Amino acid sequence: MPKRVPLTELVAGKPATIVEIQAGQGLIRRLEALGVRIGQKVEKVSGPFIRGPVTVRVGNIRAAIGFGAASKVIVEIEEQES
């Protein structure tokens, strides 16, 4: 069963799909300019130690997103069957 978490809680190196962006139109447009949009596959490259920027890979693009903005990006990860 898929699990939904904010991008800030995604484990580095684990792929996920963006399913929701809980933000206003201004932030949504800025994220879309970086390639971060609903339906895109995303992989967290590195995360914050203390509320710092989150680096993600979307396709061939790497982007750094501020902690606040990244916490508004909801991703869905597939749970591995054991």
PDB file of N, CA and C in Angstrom:
ATOM      1  N   MET A   1       0.844  -1.183   0.000  1.00  0.00           N
ATOM      2  CA  MET A   1       0.000   0.000   0.000  1.00  0.00           C
ATOM      3  C   MET A   1       0.890   1.247   0.000  1.00  0.00           C
ATOM      4  N   PRO A   2       0.581   2.220  -0.855  1.00  0.00           N
ATOM      5  CA  PRO A   2       1.419   3.419  -0.907  1.00  0.00           C
ATOM      6  C   PRO A   2       1.316   4.255   0.370  1.00  0.00           C
ATOM      7  N   LYS A   3       2.398   4.921   0.681  1.00  0.00           N
ATOM      8  CA  LYS A   3       2.461   5.760   1.871  1.00  0.00           C
ATOM      9  C   LYS A   3       2.739   7.188   1.431  1.00  0.00           C
ATOM     10  N   ARG A   4       2.011   8.153   1.984  1.00  0.00           N
ATOM     11  CA  ARG A   4       2.204   9.559   1.649  1.00  0.00           C
ATOM     12  C   ARG A   4       2.928  10.274   2.781  1.00  0.00           C
ATOM     13  N   VAL A   5       3.982  11.004   2.405  1.00  0.00           N
ATOM     14  CA  VAL A   5       4.773  11.768   3.380  1.00  0.00           C
ATOM     15  C   VAL A   5       5.202  13.078   2.738  1.00  0.00           C
ATOM     16  N   PRO A   6       5.520  14.086   3.551  1.00  0.00           N
ATOM     17  CA  PRO A   6       6.119  15.300   2.988  1.00  0.00           C
ATOM     18  C   PRO A   6       7.508  14.976   2.439  1.00  0.00           C
ATOM     19  N   LEU A   7       7.939  15.734   1.467  1.00  0.00           N
ATOM     20  CA  LEU A   7       9.248  15.533   0.856  1.00  0.00           C
ATOM     21  C   LEU A   7      10.369  15.588   1.896  1.00  0.00           C
ATOM     22  N   THR A   8      10.191  16.376   2.943  1.00  0.00           N
ATOM     23  CA  THR A   8      11.212  16.487   3.985  1.00  0.00           C
ATOM     24  C   THR A   8      11.413  15.177   4.734  1.00  0.00           C
ATOM     25  N   GLU A   9      10.414  14.303   4.745  1.00  0.00           N
ATOM     26  CA  GLU A   9      10.507  13.025   5.470  1.00  0.00           C
ATOM     27  C   GLU A   9      10.913  11.857   4.589  1.00  0.00           C
ATOM     28  N   LEU A  10      11.053  12.089   3.296  1.00  0.00           N
ATOM     29  CA  LEU A  10      11.464  11.031   2.384  1.00  0.00           C
ATOM     30  C   LEU A  10      12.912  10.639   2.664  1.00  0.00           C
ATOM     31  N   VAL A  11      13.191   9.358   2.654  1.00  0.00           N
ATOM     32  CA  VAL A  11      14.546   8.863   2.884  1.00  0.00           C
ATOM     33  C   VAL A  11      15.389   9.144   1.644  1.00  0.00           C
ATOM     34  N   ALA A  12      16.600   9.651   1.847  1.00  0.00           N
ATOM     35  CA  ALA A  12      17.493   9.955   0.728  1.00  0.00           C
ATOM     36  C   ALA A  12      17.748   8.703  -0.104  1.00  0.00           C
ATOM     37  N   GLY A  13      17.691   8.847  -1.419  1.00  0.00           N
ATOM     38  CA  GLY A  13      17.934   7.738  -2.332  1.00  0.00           C
ATOM     39  C   GLY A  13      16.706   6.930  -2.677  1.00  0.00           C
ATOM     40  N   LYS A  14      15.570   7.198  -2.033  1.00  0.00           N
ATOM     41  CA  LYS A  14      14.358   6.445  -2.287  1.00  0.00           C
ATOM     42  C   LYS A  14      13.463   7.211  -3.265  1.00  0.00           C
ATOM     43  N   PRO A  15      13.081   6.600  -4.377  1.00  0.00           N
ATOM     44  CA  PRO A  15      12.230   7.295  -5.339  1.00  0.00           C
ATOM     45  C   PRO A  15      10.788   7.392  -4.851  1.00  0.00           C
ATOM     46  N   ALA A  16      10.098   8.424  -5.300  1.00  0.00           N
ATOM     47  CA  ALA A  16       8.700   8.632  -4.941  1.00  0.00           C
ATOM     48  C   ALA A  16       8.026   9.416  -6.062  1.00  0.00           C
ATOM     49  N   THR A  17       6.711   9.520  -5.974  1.00  0.00           N
ATOM     50  CA  THR A  17       5.931  10.273  -6.950  1.00  0.00           C
ATOM     51  C   THR A  17       5.252  11.434  -6.240  1.00  0.00           C
ATOM     52  N   ILE A  18       5.333  12.616  -6.821  1.00  0.00           N
ATOM     53  CA  ILE A  18       4.677  13.785  -6.238  1.00  0.00           C
ATOM     54  C   ILE A  18       3.180  13.663  -6.485  1.00  0.00           C
ATOM     55  N   VAL A  19       2.382  13.728  -5.407  1.00  0.00           N
ATOM     56  CA  VAL A  19       0.939  13.573  -5.536  1.00  0.00           C
ATOM     57  C   VAL A  19       0.168  14.829  -5.159  1.00  0.00           C
ATOM     58  N   GLU A  20       0.805  15.748  -4.437  1.00  0.00           N
ATOM     59  CA  GLU A  20       0.095  16.946  -3.998  1.00  0.00           C
ATOM     60  C   GLU A  20       1.100  18.028  -3.616  1.00  0.00           C
ATOM     61  N   ILE A  21       0.729  19.275  -3.877  1.00  0.00           N
ATOM     62  CA  ILE A  21       1.521  20.403  -3.412  1.00  0.00           C
ATOM     63  C   ILE A  21       0.566  21.310  -2.651  1.00  0.00           C
ATOM     64  N   GLN A  22       0.752  21.372  -1.337  1.00  0.00           N
ATOM     65  CA  GLN A  22      -0.149  22.113  -0.455  1.00  0.00           C
ATOM     66  C   GLN A  22       0.342  23.548  -0.292  1.00  0.00           C
ATOM     67  N   ALA A  23       0.214  24.329  -1.375  1.00  0.00           N
ATOM     68  CA  ALA A  23       0.744  25.687  -1.361  1.00  0.00           C
ATOM     69  C   ALA A  23      -0.106  26.571  -2.263  1.00  0.00           C
ATOM     70  N   GLY A  24       0.185  27.863  -2.208  1.00  0.00           N
ATOM     71  CA  GLY A  24      -0.484  28.816  -3.078  1.00  0.00           C
ATOM     72  C   GLY A  24       0.077  28.757  -4.487  1.00  0.00           C
ATOM     73  N   GLN A  25      -0.579  29.478  -5.400  1.00  0.00           N
ATOM     74  CA  GLN A  25      -0.188  29.447  -6.805  1.00  0.00           C
ATOM     75  C   GLN A  25       1.234  29.958  -7.047  1.00  0.00           C
ATOM     76  N   GLY A  26       1.687  30.937  -6.265  1.00  0.00           N
ATOM     77  CA  GLY A  26       3.039  31.465  -6.444  1.00  0.00           C
ATOM     78  C   GLY A  26       4.098  30.407  -6.217  1.00  0.00           C
ATOM     79  N   LEU A  27       4.003  29.684  -5.105  1.00  0.00           N
ATOM     80  CA  LEU A  27       4.976  28.637  -4.806  1.00  0.00           C
ATOM     81  C   LEU A  27       4.842  27.477  -5.788  1.00  0.00           C
ATOM     82  N   ILE A  28       3.619  27.139  -6.152  1.00  0.00           N
ATOM     83  CA  ILE A  28       3.421  26.055  -7.116  1.00  0.00           C
ATOM     84  C   ILE A  28       4.111  26.398  -8.429  1.00  0.00           C
ATOM     85  N   ARG A  29       3.990  27.632  -8.896  1.00  0.00           N
ATOM     86  CA  ARG A  29       4.652  28.042 -10.144  1.00  0.00           C
ATOM     87  C   ARG A  29       6.166  27.986 -10.021  1.00  0.00           C
ATOM     88  N   ARG A  30       6.707  28.417  -8.876  1.00  0.00           N
ATOM     89  CA  ARG A  30       8.166  28.371  -8.686  1.00  0.00           C
ATOM     90  C   ARG A  30       8.664  26.927  -8.694  1.00  0.00           C
ATOM     91  N   LEU A  31       7.932  26.037  -8.030  1.00  0.00           N
ATOM     92  CA  LEU A  31       8.329  24.630  -8.007  1.00  0.00           C
ATOM     93  C   LEU A  31       8.225  24.014  -9.398  1.00  0.00           C
ATOM     94  N   GLU A  32       7.160  24.346 -10.136  1.00  0.00           N
ATOM     95  CA  GLU A  32       7.003  23.813 -11.490  1.00  0.00           C
ATOM     96  C   GLU A  32       8.139  24.269 -12.396  1.00  0.00           C
ATOM     97  N   ALA A  33       8.646  25.474 -12.182  1.00  0.00           N
ATOM     98  CA  ALA A  33       9.779  25.965 -12.970  1.00  0.00           C
ATOM     99  C   ALA A  33      11.030  25.116 -12.725  1.00  0.00           C
ATOM    100  N   LEU A  34      11.102  24.482 -11.553  1.00  0.00           N
ATOM    101  CA  LEU A  34      12.220  23.590 -11.224  1.00  0.00           C
ATOM    102  C   LEU A  34      11.951  22.156 -11.690  1.00  0.00           C
ATOM    103  N   GLY A  35      10.759  21.895 -12.233  1.00  0.00           N
ATOM    104  CA  GLY A  35      10.395  20.550 -12.656  1.00  0.00           C
ATOM    105  C   GLY A  35       9.658  19.774 -11.593  1.00  0.00           C
ATOM    106  N   VAL A  36       9.400  20.397 -10.459  1.00  0.00           N
ATOM    107  CA  VAL A  36       8.695  19.732  -9.349  1.00  0.00           C
ATOM    108  C   VAL A  36       7.202  19.967  -9.550  1.00  0.00           C
ATOM    109  N   ARG A  37       6.529  18.933 -10.088  1.00  0.00           N
ATOM    110  CA  ARG A  37       5.092  19.068 -10.340  1.00  0.00           C
ATOM    111  C   ARG A  37       4.399  17.736 -10.072  1.00  0.00           C
ATOM    112  N   ILE A  38       3.112  17.785  -9.888  1.00  0.00           N
ATOM    113  CA  ILE A  38       2.330  16.587  -9.584  1.00  0.00           C
ATOM    114  C   ILE A  38       2.500  15.559 -10.701  1.00  0.00           C
ATOM    115  N   GLY A  39       2.714  14.309 -10.296  1.00  0.00           N
ATOM    116  CA  GLY A  39       2.882  13.207 -11.236  1.00  0.00           C
ATOM    117  C   GLY A  39       4.337  12.893 -11.555  1.00  0.00           C
ATOM    118  N   GLN A  40       5.255  13.792 -11.225  1.00  0.00           N
ATOM    119  CA  GLN A  40       6.679  13.586 -11.502  1.00  0.00           C
ATOM    120  C   GLN A  40       7.300  12.620 -10.495  1.00  0.00           C
ATOM    121  N   LYS A  41       8.233  11.814 -10.981  1.00  0.00           N
ATOM    122  CA  LYS A  41       9.051  10.982 -10.102  1.00  0.00           C
ATOM    123  C   LYS A  41      10.139  11.868  -9.517  1.00  0.00           C
ATOM    124  N   VAL A  42      10.417  11.705  -8.246  1.00  0.00           N
ATOM    125  CA  VAL A  42      11.413  12.521  -7.565  1.00  0.00           C
ATOM    126  C   VAL A  42      12.248  11.625  -6.658  1.00  0.00           C
ATOM    127  N   GLU A  43      13.502  11.991  -6.491  1.00  0.00           N
ATOM    128  CA  GLU A  43      14.384  11.263  -5.573  1.00  0.00           C
ATOM    129  C   GLU A  43      15.098  12.285  -4.704  1.00  0.00           C
ATOM    130  N   LYS A  44      15.045  12.088  -3.415  1.00  0.00           N
ATOM    131  CA  LYS A  44      15.737  12.986  -2.494  1.00  0.00           C
ATOM    132  C   LYS A  44      17.221  12.640  -2.504  1.00  0.00           C
ATOM    133  N   VAL A  45      18.050  13.635  -2.804  1.00  0.00           N
ATOM    134  CA  VAL A  45      19.492  13.427  -2.861  1.00  0.00           C
ATOM    135  C   VAL A  45      20.101  13.659  -1.484  1.00  0.00           C
ATOM    136  N   SER A  46      19.716  14.759  -0.861  1.00  0.00           N
ATOM    137  CA  SER A  46      20.195  15.043   0.491  1.00  0.00           C
ATOM    138  C   SER A  46      19.141  15.861   1.218  1.00  0.00           C
ATOM    139  N   GLY A  47      19.175  15.756   2.508  1.00  0.00           N
ATOM    140  CA  GLY A  47      18.180  16.455   3.309  1.00  0.00           C
ATOM    141  C   GLY A  47      18.807  17.363   4.331  1.00  0.00           C
ATOM    142  N   PRO A  48      17.979  18.072   5.030  1.00  0.00           N
ATOM    143  CA  PRO A  48      18.478  19.046   6.003  1.00  0.00           C
ATOM    144  C   PRO A  48      18.965  18.376   7.279  1.00  0.00           C
ATOM    145  N   PHE A  49      19.989  18.954   7.853  1.00  0.00           N
ATOM    146  CA  PHE A  49      20.392  18.519   9.185  1.00  0.00           C
ATOM    147  C   PHE A  49      19.517  19.239  10.201  1.00  0.00           C
ATOM    148  N   ILE A  50      19.378  20.538  10.024  1.00  0.00           N
ATOM    149  CA  ILE A  50      18.514  21.325  10.901  1.00  0.00           C
ATOM    150  C   ILE A  50      17.744  22.314  10.031  1.00  0.00           C
ATOM    151  N   ARG A  51      16.607  21.872   9.504  1.00  0.00           N
ATOM    152  CA  ARG A  51      15.708  22.725   8.725  1.00  0.00           C
ATOM    153  C   ARG A  51      16.402  23.482   7.593  1.00  0.00           C
ATOM    154  N   GLY A  52      17.325  22.851   6.931  1.00  0.00           N
ATOM    155  CA  GLY A  52      18.003  23.459   5.787  1.00  0.00           C
ATOM    156  C   GLY A  52      17.339  23.031   4.491  1.00  0.00           C
ATOM    157  N   PRO A  53      17.901  23.415   3.355  1.00  0.00           N
ATOM    158  CA  PRO A  53      17.310  23.047   2.067  1.00  0.00           C
ATOM    159  C   PRO A  53      17.390  21.548   1.789  1.00  0.00           C
ATOM    160  N   VAL A  54      16.444  21.078   0.989  1.00  0.00           N
ATOM    161  CA  VAL A  54      16.371  19.681   0.578  1.00  0.00           C
ATOM    162  C   VAL A  54      16.764  19.631  -0.896  1.00  0.00           C
ATOM    163  N   THR A  55      17.728  18.785  -1.241  1.00  0.00           N
ATOM    164  CA  THR A  55      18.149  18.636  -2.632  1.00  0.00           C
ATOM    165  C   THR A  55      17.452  17.415  -3.218  1.00  0.00           C
ATOM    166  N   VAL A  56      16.827  17.612  -4.378  1.00  0.00           N
ATOM    167  CA  VAL A  56      16.101  16.529  -5.035  1.00  0.00           C
ATOM    168  C   VAL A  56      16.556  16.398  -6.482  1.00  0.00           C
ATOM    169  N   ARG A  57      16.317  15.215  -7.037  1.00  0.00           N
ATOM    170  CA  ARG A  57      16.570  14.968  -8.451  1.00  0.00           C
ATOM    171  C   ARG A  57      15.218  14.677  -9.091  1.00  0.00           C
ATOM    172  N   VAL A  58      14.910  15.459 -10.122  1.00  0.00           N
ATOM    173  CA  VAL A  58      13.694  15.257 -10.911  1.00  0.00           C
ATOM    174  C   VAL A  58      14.156  15.084 -12.350  1.00  0.00           C
ATOM    175  N   GLY A  59      14.085  13.866 -12.849  1.00  0.00           N
ATOM    176  CA  GLY A  59      14.641  13.584 -14.175  1.00  0.00           C
ATOM    177  C   GLY A  59      16.143  13.766 -14.130  1.00  0.00           C
ATOM    178  N   ASN A  60      16.681  14.634 -14.995  1.00  0.00           N
ATOM    179  CA  ASN A  60      18.120  14.910 -15.020  1.00  0.00           C
ATOM    180  C   ASN A  60      18.470  16.192 -14.281  1.00  0.00           C
ATOM    181  N   ILE A  61      17.499  16.769 -13.608  1.00  0.00           N
ATOM    182  CA  ILE A  61      17.691  18.057 -12.939  1.00  0.00           C
ATOM    183  C   ILE A  61      17.826  17.850 -11.433  1.00  0.00           C
ATOM    184  N   ARG A  62      18.797  18.548 -10.845  1.00  0.00           N
ATOM    185  CA  ARG A  62      18.920  18.603  -9.382  1.00  0.00           C
ATOM    186  C   ARG A  62      18.500  19.989  -8.947  1.00  0.00           C
ATOM    187  N   ALA A  63      17.706  20.048  -7.881  1.00  0.00           N
ATOM    188  CA  ALA A  63      17.231  21.337  -7.387  1.00  0.00           C
ATOM    189  C   ALA A  63      17.271  21.337  -5.870  1.00  0.00           C
ATOM    190  N   ALA A  64      17.602  22.488  -5.311  1.00  0.00           N
ATOM    191  CA  ALA A  64      17.555  22.670  -3.860  1.00  0.00           C
ATOM    192  C   ALA A  64      16.282  23.432  -3.540  1.00  0.00           C
ATOM    193  N   ILE A  65      15.493  22.882  -2.632  1.00  0.00           N
ATOM    194  CA  ILE A  65      14.223  23.486  -2.242  1.00  0.00           C
ATOM    195  C   ILE A  65      14.295  23.793  -0.758  1.00  0.00           C
ATOM    196  N   GLY A  66      13.868  24.977  -0.380  1.00  0.00           N
ATOM    197  CA  GLY A  66      13.861  25.355   1.026  1.00  0.00           C
ATOM    198  C   GLY A  66      13.015  24.404   1.856  1.00  0.00           C
ATOM    199  N   PHE A  67      13.342  24.278   3.137  1.00  0.00           N
ATOM    200  CA  PHE A  67      12.653  23.337   4.019  1.00  0.00           C
ATOM    201  C   PHE A  67      11.146  23.579   4.046  1.00  0.00           C
ATOM    202  N   GLY A  68      10.741  24.835   4.158  1.00  0.00           N
ATOM    203  CA  GLY A  68       9.308  25.154   4.225  1.00  0.00           C
ATOM    204  C   GLY A  68       8.573  24.739   2.975  1.00  0.00           C
ATOM    205  N   ALA A  69       9.147  25.034   1.812  1.00  0.00           N
ATOM    206  CA  ALA A  69       8.526  24.653   0.546  1.00  0.00           C
ATOM    207  C   ALA A  69       8.510  23.129   0.392  1.00  0.00           C
ATOM    208  N   ALA A  70       9.612  22.478   0.746  1.00  0.00           N
ATOM    209  CA  ALA A  70       9.692  21.015   0.624  1.00  0.00           C
ATOM    210  C   ALA A  70       8.684  20.316   1.530  1.00  0.00           C
ATOM    211  N   SER A  71       8.370  20.924   2.658  1.00  0.00           N
ATOM    212  CA  SER A  71       7.404  20.296   3.572  1.00  0.00           C
ATOM    213  C   SER A  71       5.984  20.367   3.025  1.00  0.00           C
ATOM    214  N   LYS A  72       5.756  21.193   2.002  1.00  0.00           N
ATOM    215  CA  LYS A  72       4.431  21.310   1.385  1.00  0.00           C
ATOM    216  C   LYS A  72       4.262  20.406   0.175  1.00  0.00           C
ATOM    217  N   VAL A  73       5.348  19.737  -0.214  1.00  0.00           N
ATOM    218  CA  VAL A  73       5.304  18.805  -1.343  1.00  0.00           C
ATOM    219  C   VAL A  73       5.060  17.410  -0.773  1.00  0.00           C
ATOM    220  N   ILE A  74       3.916  16.828  -1.115  1.00  0.00           N
ATOM    221  CA  ILE A  74       3.540  15.502  -0.601  1.00  0.00           C
ATOM    222  C   ILE A  74       3.872  14.465  -1.659  1.00  0.00           C
ATOM    223  N   VAL A  75       4.619  13.444  -1.249  1.00  0.00           N
ATOM    224  CA  VAL A  75       5.019  12.379  -2.164  1.00  0.00           C
ATOM    225  C   VAL A  75       4.438  11.048  -1.714  1.00  0.00           C
ATOM    226  N   GLU A  76       4.328  10.136  -2.664  1.00  0.00           N
ATOM    227  CA  GLU A  76       3.821   8.807  -2.368  1.00  0.00           C
ATOM    228  C   GLU A  76       4.909   7.797  -2.651  1.00  0.00           C
ATOM    229  N   ILE A  77       5.206   6.985  -1.639  1.00  0.00           N
ATOM    230  CA  ILE A  77       6.214   5.942  -1.808  1.00  0.00           C
ATOM    231  C   ILE A  77       5.550   4.587  -1.709  1.00  0.00           C
ATOM    232  N   GLU A  78       6.049   3.649  -2.486  1.00  0.00           N
ATOM    233  CA  GLU A  78       5.528   2.286  -2.445  1.00  0.00           C
ATOM    234  C   GLU A  78       6.220   1.528  -1.323  1.00  0.00           C
ATOM    235  N   GLU A  79       5.444   0.936  -0.475  1.00  0.00           N
ATOM    236  CA  GLU A  79       6.009   0.114   0.596  1.00  0.00           C
ATOM    237  C   GLU A  79       6.419  -1.221   0.007  1.00  0.00           C
ATOM    238  N   GLN A  80       7.603  -1.668   0.357  1.00  0.00           N
ATOM    239  CA  GLN A  80       8.111  -2.949  -0.134  1.00  0.00           C
ATOM    240  C   GLN A  80       7.417  -4.096   0.596  1.00  0.00           C
ATOM    241  N   GLU A  81       7.002  -5.086  -0.178  1.00  0.00           N
ATOM    242  CA  GLU A  81       6.382  -6.287   0.404  1.00  0.00           C
ATOM    243  C   GLU A  81       7.487  -7.186   0.937  1.00  0.00           C
ATOM    244  N   SER A  82       7.319  -7.693   2.131  1.00  0.00           N
ATOM    245  CA  SER A  82       8.336  -8.586   2.707  1.00  0.00           C
ATOM    246  C   SER A  82       7.853 -10.006   2.748  1.00  0.00           C
TER     247      SER A  82
END
